[in-house]
C-alpha atoms as a PDB file:
ATOM      1  CA  MET A   1      60.371   4.174  58.963  1.00  0.00           C
ATOM      2  CA  ALA A   2      62.301   1.065  58.056  1.00  0.00           C
ATOM      3  CA  LYS A   3      64.981   1.287  55.403  1.00  0.00           C
ATOM      4  CA  ASN A   4      63.754  -1.753  53.443  1.00  0.00           C
ATOM      5  CA  ILE A   5      60.344  -0.362  52.524  1.00  0.00           C
ATOM      6  CA  LYS A   6      59.867  -0.354  48.782  1.00  0.00           C
ATOM      7  CA  LYS A   7      58.035   2.500  47.115  1.00  0.00           C
ATOM      8  CA  ILE A   8      54.779   1.244  45.660  1.00  0.00           C
ATOM      9  CA  VAL A   9      54.797   1.999  41.953  1.00  0.00           C
ATOM     10  CA  ASN A  10      52.150   1.834  39.241  1.00  0.00           C
ATOM     11  CA  ILE A  11      49.408   2.245  41.845  1.00  0.00           C
ATOM     12  CA  ARG A  12      48.062   5.622  42.882  1.00  0.00           C
ATOM     13  CA  LEU A  13      47.587   5.642  46.620  1.00  0.00           C
ATOM     14  CA  ARG A  14      46.576   8.411  48.930  1.00  0.00           C
ATOM     15  CA  PRO A  15      49.399   9.317  51.336  1.00  0.00           C
ATOM     16  CA  ASP A  16      47.451   7.921  54.305  1.00  0.00           C
ATOM     17  CA  GLN A  17      46.980   4.594  52.496  1.00  0.00           C
ATOM     18  CA  GLU A  18      50.681   4.281  51.785  1.00  0.00           C
ATOM     19  CA  GLU A  19      51.537   5.110  55.405  1.00  0.00           C
ATOM     20  CA  ARG A  20      49.140   2.453  56.689  1.00  0.00           C
ATOM     21  CA  ILE A  21      50.473  -0.184  54.299  1.00  0.00           C
ATOM     22  CA  ASN A  22      54.057   0.606  55.259  1.00  0.00           C
ATOM     23  CA  ALA A  23      53.182   0.415  58.963  1.00  0.00           C
ATOM     24  CA  ILE A  24      51.604  -3.037  58.516  1.00  0.00           C
ATOM     25  CA  VAL A  25      54.569  -4.263  56.470  1.00  0.00           C
ATOM     26  CA  GLU A  26      57.016  -3.006  59.122  1.00  0.00           C
ATOM     27  CA  ARG A  27      55.258  -5.038  61.823  1.00  0.00           C
ATOM     28  CA  SER A  28      54.982  -8.182  59.706  1.00  0.00           C
ATOM     29  CA  ALA A  29      57.566 -10.924  59.519  1.00  0.00           C
ATOM     30  CA  ILE A  30      56.129 -12.459  56.342  1.00  0.00           C
ATOM     31  CA  LEU A  31      54.727  -9.566  54.315  1.00  0.00           C
ATOM     32  CA  ASP A  32      56.512  -7.211  52.034  1.00  0.00           C
ATOM     33  CA  THR A  33      54.745  -4.350  50.274  1.00  0.00           C
ATOM     34  CA  SER A  34      54.079  -6.213  47.031  1.00  0.00           C
ATOM     35  CA  LYS A  35      52.655  -9.265  48.856  1.00  0.00           C
ATOM     36  CA  PHE A  36      50.393  -7.002  50.900  1.00  0.00           C
ATOM     37  CA  VAL A  37      49.081  -5.286  47.767  1.00  0.00           C
ATOM     38  CA  ARG A  38      48.535  -8.629  45.979  1.00  0.00           C
ATOM     39  CA  ILE A  39      46.564  -9.946  48.982  1.00  0.00           C
ATOM     40  CA  ALA A  40      44.488  -6.757  49.100  1.00  0.00           C
ATOM     41  CA  VAL A  41      43.760  -6.950  45.377  1.00  0.00           C
ATOM     42  CA  ASP A  42      42.798 -10.636  45.658  1.00  0.00           C
ATOM     43  CA  TRP A  43      40.440  -9.812  48.529  1.00  0.00           C
ATOM     44  CA  LEU A  44      38.891  -6.985  46.541  1.00  0.00           C
ATOM     45  CA  LEU A  45      38.390  -9.154  43.474  1.00  0.00           C
ATOM     46  CA  ARG A  46      36.592 -11.802  45.550  1.00  0.00           C
ATOM     47  CA  SER A  47      34.292  -9.231  47.142  1.00  0.00           C
ATOM     48  CA  ASP A  48      31.291  -7.239  46.006  1.00  0.00           C
ATOM     49  CA  ILE A  49      33.140  -4.079  44.976  1.00  0.00           C
ATOM     50  CA  GLY A  50      30.118  -1.859  45.595  1.00  0.00           C
ATOM     51  CA  GLU A  51      29.816  -3.024  49.204  1.00  0.00           C
ATOM     52  CA  VAL A  52      33.560  -2.660  49.754  1.00  0.00           C
ATOM     53  CA  LEU A  53      33.515   0.911  48.466  1.00  0.00           C
ATOM     54  CA  LYS A  54      30.500   1.819  50.602  1.00  0.00           C
ATOM     55  CA  THR A  55      32.309   0.433  53.644  1.00  0.00           C
ATOM     56  CA  ILE A  56      35.720   2.042  53.193  1.00  0.00           C
ATOM     57  CA  VAL A  57      35.084   5.251  51.285  1.00  0.00           C
ATOM     58  CA  ASP A  58      33.737   8.513  52.618  1.00  0.00           C
ATOM     59  CA  ASP A  59      32.003  10.153  49.641  1.00  0.00           C
ATOM     60  CA  GLU A  60      32.523  13.634  51.041  1.00  0.00           C
ATOM     61  CA  LYS A  61      36.283  13.278  51.567  1.00  0.00           C
ATOM     62  CA  PHE A  62      36.922  11.370  48.328  1.00  0.00           C
ATOM     63  CA  PRO A  63      34.280  12.337  45.751  1.00  0.00           C
ATOM     64  CA  ASP A  64      36.210  10.673  42.921  1.00  0.00           C
ATOM     65  CA  TYR A  65      35.485   7.290  44.581  1.00  0.00           C
ATOM     66  CA  ALA A  66      31.781   8.014  45.124  1.00  0.00           C
ATOM     67  CA  ILE A  67      29.345   5.482  43.753  1.00  0.00           C
ATOM     68  CA  PRO A  68      26.758   7.113  41.465  1.00  0.00           C
ATOM     69  CA  LYS A  69      23.290   7.251  42.989  1.00  0.00           C
ATOM     70  CA  LYS A  70      20.835   4.825  41.424  1.00  0.00           C
ATOM     71  CA  THR A  71      17.560   6.143  40.092  1.00  0.00           C
ATOM     72  CA  ASN A  72      14.341   4.485  41.170  1.00  0.00           C
ATOM     73  CA  GLY A  73      13.675   3.309  37.610  1.00  0.00           C
ATOM     74  CA  ARG A  74      10.763   5.640  36.992  1.00  0.00           C
ATOM     75  CA  THR A  75      10.735   7.731  33.897  1.00  0.00           C
ATOM     76  CA  THR A  76       8.578  10.744  33.347  1.00  0.00           C
ATOM     77  CA  LYS A  77       6.092  10.544  30.530  1.00  0.00           C
ATOM     78  CA  VAL A  78       6.608  13.066  27.792  1.00  0.00           C
ATOM     79  CA  ARG A  79       3.382  14.809  26.897  1.00  0.00           C
ATOM     80  CA  SER A  80       2.358  14.579  23.315  1.00  0.00           C
ATOM     81  CA  LYS A  81       1.957  17.860  21.476  1.00  0.00           C
ATOM     82  CA  ARG A  82      -0.767  16.381  19.281  1.00  0.00           C
ATOM     83  CA  PRO A  83      -4.341  16.700  20.463  1.00  0.00           C
ATOM     84  CA  LYS A  84      -6.112  13.485  21.444  1.00  0.00           C
ATOM     85  CA  LYS A  85      -8.436  11.972  18.884  1.00  0.00           C
ATOM     86  CA  GLY A  86     -12.064  11.398  19.734  1.00  0.00           C
END
């Protein structure tokens, strides 16, 4: 790896993410690590975060990133314990 790669701080990255970012930065003439992260964050903020997560995250490998399953909106009726009148 290049000697000028800065350690990314204040952001928790998986080791594979950090390796990929560093590889992109090494090949780039205009990006440094902080610029890359700022661009990525800007892109994320402009996107539908739910769609981004569905696209890039494998729920089985990274369950902490999993999007909670939506219910279909139906609720079960609770039976009344009182007898019906009439």
